[in-house]
PDB file of N, CA and C in Angstrom:
ATOM      1  N   MET A   1     125.079-136.387 -42.408  1.00  0.00           N
ATOM      2  CA  MET A   1     124.467-135.496 -41.450  1.00  0.00           C
ATOM      3  C   MET A   1     124.705-134.060 -41.904  1.00  0.00           C
ATOM      4  N   ALA A   2     123.695-133.227 -41.728  1.00  0.00           N
ATOM      5  CA  ALA A   2     123.819-131.817 -42.100  1.00  0.00           C
ATOM      6  C   ALA A   2     124.842-131.126 -41.199  1.00  0.00           C
ATOM      7  N   THR A   3     125.434-130.078 -41.712  1.00  0.00           N
ATOM      8  CA  THR A   3     126.430-129.347 -40.926  1.00  0.00           C
ATOM      9  C   THR A   3     125.777-128.178 -40.189  1.00  0.00           C
ATOM     10  N   LEU A   4     126.385-127.806 -39.084  1.00  0.00           N
ATOM     11  CA  LEU A   4     125.926-126.682 -38.276  1.00  0.00           C
ATOM     12  C   LEU A   4     126.981-125.589 -38.272  1.00  0.00           C
ATOM     13  N   THR A   5     126.532-124.361 -38.091  1.00  0.00           N
ATOM     14  CA  THR A   5     127.490-123.280 -37.891  1.00  0.00           C
ATOM     15  C   THR A   5     128.086-123.434 -36.494  1.00  0.00           C
ATOM     16  N   LYS A   6     129.144-122.721 -36.238  1.00  0.00           N
ATOM     17  CA  LYS A   6     129.768-122.752 -34.913  1.00  0.00           C
ATOM     18  C   LYS A   6     128.766-122.313 -33.840  1.00  0.00           C
ATOM     19  N   GLN A   7     128.002-121.276 -34.131  1.00  0.00           N
ATOM     20  CA  GLN A   7     127.004-120.761 -33.181  1.00  0.00           C
ATOM     21  C   GLN A   7     125.894-121.788 -32.929  1.00  0.00           C
ATOM     22  N   GLU A   8     125.421-122.425 -33.990  1.00  0.00           N
ATOM     23  CA  GLU A   8     124.370-123.442 -33.841  1.00  0.00           C
ATOM     24  C   GLU A   8     124.868-124.625 -33.008  1.00  0.00           C
ATOM     25  N   ARG A   9     126.061-125.109 -33.329  1.00  0.00           N
ATOM     26  CA  ARG A   9     126.627-126.247 -32.592  1.00  0.00           C
ATOM     27  C   ARG A   9     126.799-125.900 -31.115  1.00  0.00           C
ATOM     28  N   ALA A  10     127.273-124.705 -30.820  1.00  0.00           N
ATOM     29  CA  ALA A  10     127.469-124.286 -29.424  1.00  0.00           C
ATOM     30  C   ALA A  10     126.135-124.256 -28.681  1.00  0.00           C
ATOM     31  N   TRP A  11     125.092-123.763 -29.332  1.00  0.00           N
ATOM     32  CA  TRP A  11     123.779-123.695 -28.689  1.00  0.00           C
ATOM     33  C   TRP A  11     123.238-125.088 -28.399  1.00  0.00           C
ATOM     34  N   PHE A  12     123.319-125.988 -29.381  1.00  0.00           N
ATOM     35  CA  PHE A  12     122.836-127.359 -29.168  1.00  0.00           C
ATOM     36  C   PHE A  12     123.658-128.078 -28.106  1.00  0.00           C
ATOM     37  N   ASN A  13     124.956-127.869 -28.099  1.00  0.00           N
ATOM     38  CA  ASN A  13     125.798-128.476 -27.058  1.00  0.00           C
ATOM     39  C   ASN A  13     125.418-127.961 -25.673  1.00  0.00           C
ATOM     40  N   LYS A  14     125.131-126.667 -25.572  1.00  0.00           N
ATOM     41  CA  LYS A  14     124.710-126.078 -24.297  1.00  0.00           C
ATOM     42  C   LYS A  14     123.377-126.679 -23.843  1.00  0.00           C
ATOM     43  N   LEU A  15     122.437-126.806 -24.765  1.00  0.00           N
ATOM     44  CA  LEU A  15     121.142-127.408 -24.450  1.00  0.00           C
ATOM     45  C   LEU A  15     121.319-128.843 -23.964  1.00  0.00           C
ATOM     46  N   GLN A  16     122.130-129.628 -24.657  1.00  0.00           N
ATOM     47  CA  GLN A  16     122.357-131.017 -24.264  1.00  0.00           C
ATOM     48  C   GLN A  16     123.020-131.104 -22.898  1.00  0.00           C
ATOM     49  N   LYS A  17     123.945-130.190 -22.631  1.00  0.00           N
ATOM     50  CA  LYS A  17     124.615-130.176 -21.330  1.00  0.00           C
ATOM     51  C   LYS A  17     123.604-129.946 -20.204  1.00  0.00           C
ATOM     52  N   VAL A  18     122.697-129.009 -20.396  1.00  0.00           N
ATOM     53  CA  VAL A  18     121.657-128.748 -19.386  1.00  0.00           C
ATOM     54  C   VAL A  18     120.802-130.000 -19.180  1.00  0.00           C
ATOM     55  N   LEU A  19     120.409-130.656 -20.251  1.00  0.00           N
ATOM     56  CA  LEU A  19     119.607-131.875 -20.132  1.00  0.00           C
ATOM     57  C   LEU A  19     120.378-132.980 -19.414  1.00  0.00           C
ATOM     58  N   ASN A  20     121.656-133.108 -19.709  1.00  0.00           N
ATOM     59  CA  ASN A  20     122.483-134.144 -19.075  1.00  0.00           C
ATOM     60  C   ASN A  20     122.681-133.905 -17.587  1.00  0.00           C
ATOM     61  N   GLU A  21     122.559-132.664 -17.148  1.00  0.00           N
ATOM     62  CA  GLU A  21     122.792-132.319 -15.746  1.00  0.00           C
ATOM     63  C   GLU A  21     121.532-132.419 -14.891  1.00  0.00           C
ATOM     64  N   CYS A  22     120.503-133.069 -15.364  1.00  0.00           N
ATOM     65  CA  CYS A  22     119.255-133.193 -14.607  1.00  0.00           C
ATOM     66  C   CYS A  22     119.557-133.718 -13.203  1.00  0.00           C
ATOM     67  N   PRO A  23     119.156-132.978 -12.148  1.00  0.00           N
ATOM     68  CA  PRO A  23     119.545-133.319 -10.781  1.00  0.00           C
ATOM     69  C   PRO A  23     118.600-134.277 -10.060  1.00  0.00           C
ATOM     70  N   PHE A  24     117.666-134.885 -10.760  1.00  0.00           N
ATOM     71  CA  PHE A  24     116.724-135.777 -10.086  1.00  0.00           C
ATOM     72  C   PHE A  24     116.450-137.006 -10.948  1.00  0.00           C
ATOM     73  N   ASP A  25     115.860-138.017 -10.326  1.00  0.00           N
ATOM     74  CA  ASP A  25     115.522-139.266 -11.008  1.00  0.00           C
ATOM     75  C   ASP A  25     114.360-139.013 -11.973  1.00  0.00           C
ATOM     76  N   THR A  26     114.550-139.326 -13.221  1.00  0.00           N
ATOM     77  CA  THR A  26     113.519-139.079 -14.225  1.00  0.00           C
ATOM     78  C   THR A  26     112.762-140.345 -14.626  1.00  0.00           C
ATOM     79  N   SER A  27     112.929-141.421 -13.885  1.00  0.00           N
ATOM     80  CA  SER A  27     112.316-142.690 -14.281  1.00  0.00           C
ATOM     81  C   SER A  27     110.789-142.653 -14.288  1.00  0.00           C
ATOM     82  N   ASP A  28     110.168-141.721 -13.582  1.00  0.00           N
ATOM     83  CA  ASP A  28     108.710-141.617 -13.557  1.00  0.00           C
ATOM     84  C   ASP A  28     108.197-140.566 -14.549  1.00  0.00           C
ATOM     85  N   PHE A  29     109.095-139.990 -15.345  1.00  0.00           N
ATOM     86  CA  PHE A  29     108.726-138.966 -16.316  1.00  0.00           C
ATOM     87  C   PHE A  29     108.717-139.545 -17.726  1.00  0.00           C
ATOM     88  N   ASP A  30     107.932-138.935 -18.584  1.00  0.00           N
ATOM     89  CA  ASP A  30     107.950-139.240 -20.006  1.00  0.00           C
ATOM     90  C   ASP A  30     107.478-137.982 -20.725  1.00  0.00           C
ATOM     91  N   SER A  31     107.413-138.017 -22.038  1.00  0.00           N
ATOM     92  CA  SER A  31     107.004-136.830 -22.782  1.00  0.00           C
ATOM     93  C   SER A  31     106.429-137.224 -24.134  1.00  0.00           C
ATOM     94  N   PHE A  32     105.733-136.266 -24.740  1.00  0.00           N
ATOM     95  CA  PHE A  32     105.210-136.476 -26.088  1.00  0.00           C
ATOM     96  C   PHE A  32     105.053-135.130 -26.778  1.00  0.00           C
ATOM     97  N   THR A  33     104.915-135.184 -28.096  1.00  0.00           N
ATOM     98  CA  THR A  33     104.604-133.999 -28.887  1.00  0.00           C
ATOM     99  C   THR A  33     103.496-134.348 -29.860  1.00  0.00           C
ATOM    100  N   ILE A  34     102.761-133.345 -30.266  1.00  0.00           N
ATOM    101  CA  ILE A  34     101.736-133.549 -31.291  1.00  0.00           C
ATOM    102  C   ILE A  34     102.220-133.013 -32.634  1.00  0.00           C
ATOM    103  N   GLY A  35     103.500-132.644 -32.681  1.00  0.00           N
ATOM    104  CA  GLY A  35     104.085-132.191 -33.938  1.00  0.00           C
ATOM    105  C   GLY A  35     104.167-130.689 -34.084  1.00  0.00           C
ATOM    106  N   ASP A  36     104.065-129.975 -32.971  1.00  0.00           N
ATOM    107  CA  ASP A  36     104.211-128.524 -33.017  1.00  0.00           C
ATOM    108  C   ASP A  36     105.534-128.140 -32.352  1.00  0.00           C
ATOM    109  N   ARG A  37     105.623-127.016 -31.708  1.00  0.00           N
ATOM    110  CA  ARG A  37     106.863-126.588 -31.052  1.00  0.00           C
ATOM    111  C   ARG A  37     106.946-127.042 -29.600  1.00  0.00           C
ATOM    112  N   GLY A  38     105.924-127.707 -29.114  1.00  0.00           N
ATOM    113  CA  GLY A  38     105.883-128.086 -27.709  1.00  0.00           C
ATOM    114  C   GLY A  38     106.148-129.559 -27.464  1.00  0.00           C
ATOM    115  N   VAL A  39     106.780-129.825 -26.334  1.00  0.00           N
ATOM    116  CA  VAL A  39     106.947-131.189 -25.838  1.00  0.00           C
ATOM    117  C   VAL A  39     106.311-131.209 -24.452  1.00  0.00           C
ATOM    118  N   THR A  40     105.266-132.003 -24.309  1.00  0.00           N
ATOM    119  CA  THR A  40     104.561-132.109 -23.037  1.00  0.00           C
ATOM    120  C   THR A  40     105.270-133.128 -22.161  1.00  0.00           C
ATOM    121  N   VAL A  41     105.654-132.704 -20.971  1.00  0.00           N
ATOM    122  CA  VAL A  41     106.327-133.580 -20.007  1.00  0.00           C
ATOM    123  C   VAL A  41     105.287-134.001 -18.979  1.00  0.00           C
ATOM    124  N   PHE A  42     105.287-135.296 -18.650  1.00  0.00           N
ATOM    125  CA  PHE A  42     104.341-135.781 -17.659  1.00  0.00           C
ATOM    126  C   PHE A  42     104.998-136.779 -16.720  1.00  0.00           C
ATOM    127  N   LYS A  43     104.381-136.932 -15.552  1.00  0.00           N
ATOM    128  CA  LYS A  43     104.815-137.923 -14.566  1.00  0.00           C
ATOM    129  C   LYS A  43     103.839-139.092 -14.611  1.00  0.00           C
ATOM    130  N   LYS A  44     104.044-140.061 -13.737  1.00  0.00           N
ATOM    131  CA  LYS A  44     103.179-141.245 -13.652  1.00  0.00           C
ATOM    132  C   LYS A  44     103.265-142.066 -14.933  1.00  0.00           C
ATOM    133  N   ALA A  45     104.459-142.202 -15.489  1.00  0.00           N
ATOM    134  CA  ALA A  45     104.626-142.876 -16.777  1.00  0.00           C
ATOM    135  C   ALA A  45     104.024-144.278 -16.781  1.00  0.00           C
ATOM    136  N   LYS A  46     104.265-145.042 -15.730  1.00  0.00           N
ATOM    137  CA  LYS A  46     103.734-146.412 -15.671  1.00  0.00           C
ATOM    138  C   LYS A  46     102.208-146.398 -15.616  1.00  0.00           C
ATOM    139  N   GLU A  47     101.650-145.527 -14.773  1.00  0.00           N
ATOM    140  CA  GLU A  47     100.198-145.449 -14.642  1.00  0.00           C
ATOM    141  C   GLU A  47      99.542-144.991 -15.945  1.00  0.00           C
ATOM    142  N   VAL A  48     100.176-144.057 -16.620  1.00  0.00           N
ATOM    143  CA  VAL A  48      99.651-143.580 -17.901  1.00  0.00           C
ATOM    144  C   VAL A  48      99.633-144.725 -18.910  1.00  0.00           C
ATOM    145  N   SER A  49     100.710-145.494 -18.969  1.00  0.00           N
ATOM    146  CA  SER A  49     100.777-146.630 -19.889  1.00  0.00           C
ATOM    147  C   SER A  49      99.698-147.667 -19.575  1.00  0.00           C
ATOM    148  N   GLU A  50      99.514-147.950 -18.294  1.00  0.00           N
ATOM    149  CA  GLU A  50      98.477-148.907 -17.888  1.00  0.00           C
ATOM    150  C   GLU A  50      97.084-148.388 -18.245  1.00  0.00           C
ATOM    151  N   HIS A  51      96.863-147.095 -18.066  1.00  0.00           N
ATOM    152  CA  HIS A  51      95.573-146.484 -18.400  1.00  0.00           C
ATOM    153  C   HIS A  51      95.307-146.602 -19.898  1.00  0.00           C
ATOM    154  N   GLN A  52      96.329-146.366 -20.699  1.00  0.00           N
ATOM    155  CA  GLN A  52      96.187-146.492 -22.151  1.00  0.00           C
ATOM    156  C   GLN A  52      95.760-147.897 -22.541  1.00  0.00           C
ATOM    157  N   GLY A  53      96.415-148.895 -21.952  1.00  0.00           N
ATOM    158  CA  GLY A  53      96.078-150.280 -22.269  1.00  0.00           C
ATOM    159  C   GLY A  53      94.679-150.663 -21.826  1.00  0.00           C
ATOM    160  N   LYS A  54      94.311-150.231 -20.643  1.00  0.00           N
ATOM    161  CA  LYS A  54      93.004-150.589 -20.083  1.00  0.00           C
ATOM    162  C   LYS A  54      91.851-149.918 -20.823  1.00  0.00           C
ATOM    163  N   PHE A  55      92.007-148.629 -21.134  1.00  0.00           N
ATOM    164  CA  PHE A  55      90.910-147.875 -21.735  1.00  0.00           C
ATOM    165  C   PHE A  55      91.086-147.611 -23.227  1.00  0.00           C
ATOM    166  N   GLU A  56      92.179-148.110 -23.811  1.00  0.00           N
ATOM    167  CA  GLU A  56      92.468-147.948 -25.240  1.00  0.00           C
ATOM    168  C   GLU A  56      92.373-146.481 -25.673  1.00  0.00           C
ATOM    169  N   THR A  57      93.077-145.624 -24.942  1.00  0.00           N
ATOM    170  CA  THR A  57      93.074-144.194 -25.229  1.00  0.00           C
ATOM    171  C   THR A  57      94.364-143.772 -25.917  1.00  0.00           C
ATOM    172  N   ASP A  58      94.331-142.600 -26.519  1.00  0.00           N
ATOM    173  CA  ASP A  58      95.558-141.979 -27.006  1.00  0.00           C
ATOM    174  C   ASP A  58      96.359-141.502 -25.801  1.00  0.00           C
ATOM    175  N   LEU A  59      97.647-141.332 -25.994  1.00  0.00           N
ATOM    176  CA  LEU A  59      98.531-140.945 -24.896  1.00  0.00           C
ATOM    177  C   LEU A  59      98.065-139.669 -24.204  1.00  0.00           C
ATOM    178  N   HIS A  60      97.784-138.628 -24.980  1.00  0.00           N
ATOM    179  CA  HIS A  60      97.393-137.359 -24.354  1.00  0.00           C
ATOM    180  C   HIS A  60      96.104-137.491 -23.545  1.00  0.00           C
ATOM    181  N   GLU A  61      95.211-138.379 -23.958  1.00  0.00           N
ATOM    182  CA  GLU A  61      93.966-138.585 -23.215  1.00  0.00           C
ATOM    183  C   GLU A  61      94.235-139.230 -21.858  1.00  0.00           C
ATOM    184  N   SER A  62      95.150-140.183 -21.823  1.00  0.00           N
ATOM    185  CA  SER A  62      95.501-140.823 -20.552  1.00  0.00           C
ATOM    186  C   SER A  62      96.237-139.854 -19.638  1.00  0.00           C
ATOM    187  N   VAL A  63      97.118-139.043 -20.204  1.00  0.00           N
ATOM    188  CA  VAL A  63      97.820-138.029 -19.410  1.00  0.00           C
ATOM    189  C   VAL A  63      96.803-137.073 -18.789  1.00  0.00           C
ATOM    190  N   ASP A  64      95.832-136.636 -19.581  1.00  0.00           N
ATOM    191  CA  ASP A  64      94.792-135.738 -19.067  1.00  0.00           C
ATOM    192  C   ASP A  64      93.945-136.422 -18.000  1.00  0.00           C
ATOM    193  N   ALA A  65      93.539-137.658 -18.260  1.00  0.00           N
ATOM    194  CA  ALA A  65      92.670-138.379 -17.327  1.00  0.00           C
ATOM    195  C   ALA A  65      93.332-138.564 -15.966  1.00  0.00           C
ATOM    196  N   LEU A  66      94.652-138.735 -15.959  1.00  0.00           N
ATOM    197  CA  LEU A  66      95.383-138.954 -14.708  1.00  0.00           C
ATOM    198  C   LEU A  66      95.983-137.666 -14.152  1.00  0.00           C
ATOM    199  N   ASP A  67      95.687-136.542 -14.788  1.00  0.00           N
ATOM    200  CA  ASP A  67      96.226-135.245 -14.365  1.00  0.00           C
ATOM    201  C   ASP A  67      97.742-135.329 -14.169  1.00  0.00           C
ATOM    202  N   ALA A  68      98.410-135.918 -15.160  1.00  0.00           N
ATOM    203  CA  ALA A  68      99.836-136.220 -15.045  1.00  0.00           C
ATOM    204  C   ALA A  68     100.752-135.182 -15.686  1.00  0.00           C
ATOM    205  N   GLU A  69     100.215-134.251 -16.468  1.00  0.00           N
ATOM    206  CA  GLU A  69     101.059-133.248 -17.127  1.00  0.00           C
ATOM    207  C   GLU A  69     101.715-132.344 -16.094  1.00  0.00           C
ATOM    208  N   VAL A  70     103.016-132.095 -16.272  1.00  0.00           N
ATOM    209  CA  VAL A  70     103.737-131.239 -15.329  1.00  0.00           C
ATOM    210  C   VAL A  70     104.363-130.007 -15.977  1.00  0.00           C
ATOM    211  N   PHE A  71     104.632-130.071 -17.288  1.00  0.00           N
ATOM    212  CA  PHE A  71     105.333-128.952 -17.913  1.00  0.00           C
ATOM    213  C   PHE A  71     105.247-129.091 -19.425  1.00  0.00           C
ATOM    214  N   GLU A  72     105.286-127.961 -20.114  1.00  0.00           N
ATOM    215  CA  GLU A  72     105.417-127.991 -21.563  1.00  0.00           C
ATOM    216  C   GLU A  72     106.674-127.228 -21.950  1.00  0.00           C
ATOM    217  N   LEU A  73     107.601-127.939 -22.555  1.00  0.00           N
ATOM    218  CA  LEU A  73     108.817-127.321 -23.087  1.00  0.00           C
ATOM    219  C   LEU A  73     108.473-126.716 -24.443  1.00  0.00           C
ATOM    220  N   ARG A  74     108.851-125.467 -24.667  1.00  0.00           N
ATOM    221  CA  ARG A  74     108.593-124.801 -25.939  1.00  0.00           C
ATOM    222  C   ARG A  74     109.919-124.603 -26.669  1.00  0.00           C
ATOM    223  N   PHE A  75     110.023-125.175 -27.834  1.00  0.00           N
ATOM    224  CA  PHE A  75     111.232-125.076 -28.633  1.00  0.00           C
ATOM    225  C   PHE A  75     111.119-123.923 -29.621  1.00  0.00           C
ATOM    226  N   PRO A  76     112.255-123.370 -30.055  1.00  0.00           N
ATOM    227  CA  PRO A  76     112.231-122.291 -31.042  1.00  0.00           C
ATOM    228  C   PRO A  76     112.082-122.819 -32.468  1.00  0.00           C
ATOM    229  N   PHE A  77     111.809-124.105 -32.589  1.00  0.00           N
ATOM    230  CA  PHE A  77     111.611-124.753 -33.886  1.00  0.00           C
ATOM    231  C   PHE A  77     110.597-125.871 -33.682  1.00  0.00           C
ATOM    232  N   GLY A  78     110.054-126.380 -34.765  1.00  0.00           N
ATOM    233  CA  GLY A  78     109.075-127.457 -34.670  1.00  0.00           C
ATOM    234  C   GLY A  78     109.688-128.752 -34.159  1.00  0.00           C
ATOM    235  N   VAL A  79     108.858-129.554 -33.515  1.00  0.00           N
ATOM    236  CA  VAL A  79     109.263-130.882 -33.040  1.00  0.00           C
ATOM    237  C   VAL A  79     108.302-131.866 -33.699  1.00  0.00           C
ATOM    238  N   ALA A  80     108.770-132.587 -34.696  1.00  0.00           N
ATOM    239  CA  ALA A  80     107.913-133.506 -35.441  1.00  0.00           C
ATOM    240  C   ALA A  80     107.550-134.713 -34.588  1.00  0.00           C
ATOM    241  N   SER A  81     106.355-135.195 -34.783  1.00  0.00           N
ATOM    242  CA  SER A  81     105.901-136.403 -34.107  1.00  0.00           C
ATOM    243  C   SER A  81     106.092-137.558 -35.080  1.00  0.00           C
ATOM    244  N   ALA A  82     106.915-138.523 -34.714  1.00  0.00           N
ATOM    245  CA  ALA A  82     107.203-139.654 -35.591  1.00  0.00           C
ATOM    246  C   ALA A  82     107.267-140.935 -34.773  1.00  0.00           C
ATOM    247  N   ALA A  83     106.961-142.034 -35.394  1.00  0.00           N
ATOM    248  CA  ALA A  83     107.016-143.328 -34.713  1.00  0.00           C
ATOM    249  C   ALA A  83     108.000-144.240 -35.429  1.00  0.00           C
ATOM    250  N   GLY A  84     108.610-145.124 -34.649  1.00  0.00           N
ATOM    251  CA  GLY A  84     109.425-146.182 -35.199  1.00  0.00           C
ATOM    252  C   GLY A  84     110.780-145.798 -35.560  1.00  0.00           C
TER     253      GLY A  84
END
């Protein structure tokens, strides 16, 4: 694993701490990226998945069709889109 500076490690630890402190149930949320700096957060995860199966759409198309997008997180670095 690559090494981080003290400042980098502190920032990532702070970010993870904020994520770990989520004060609500996230079971209906999911997210995706297209490989840029953004992560699109959406609700209705089960409905979106069912829509994808029924209409054979890409994830973002089902999210749009169900008006499920709630937020876009913008990172100060790229977020690669990878599978598997």
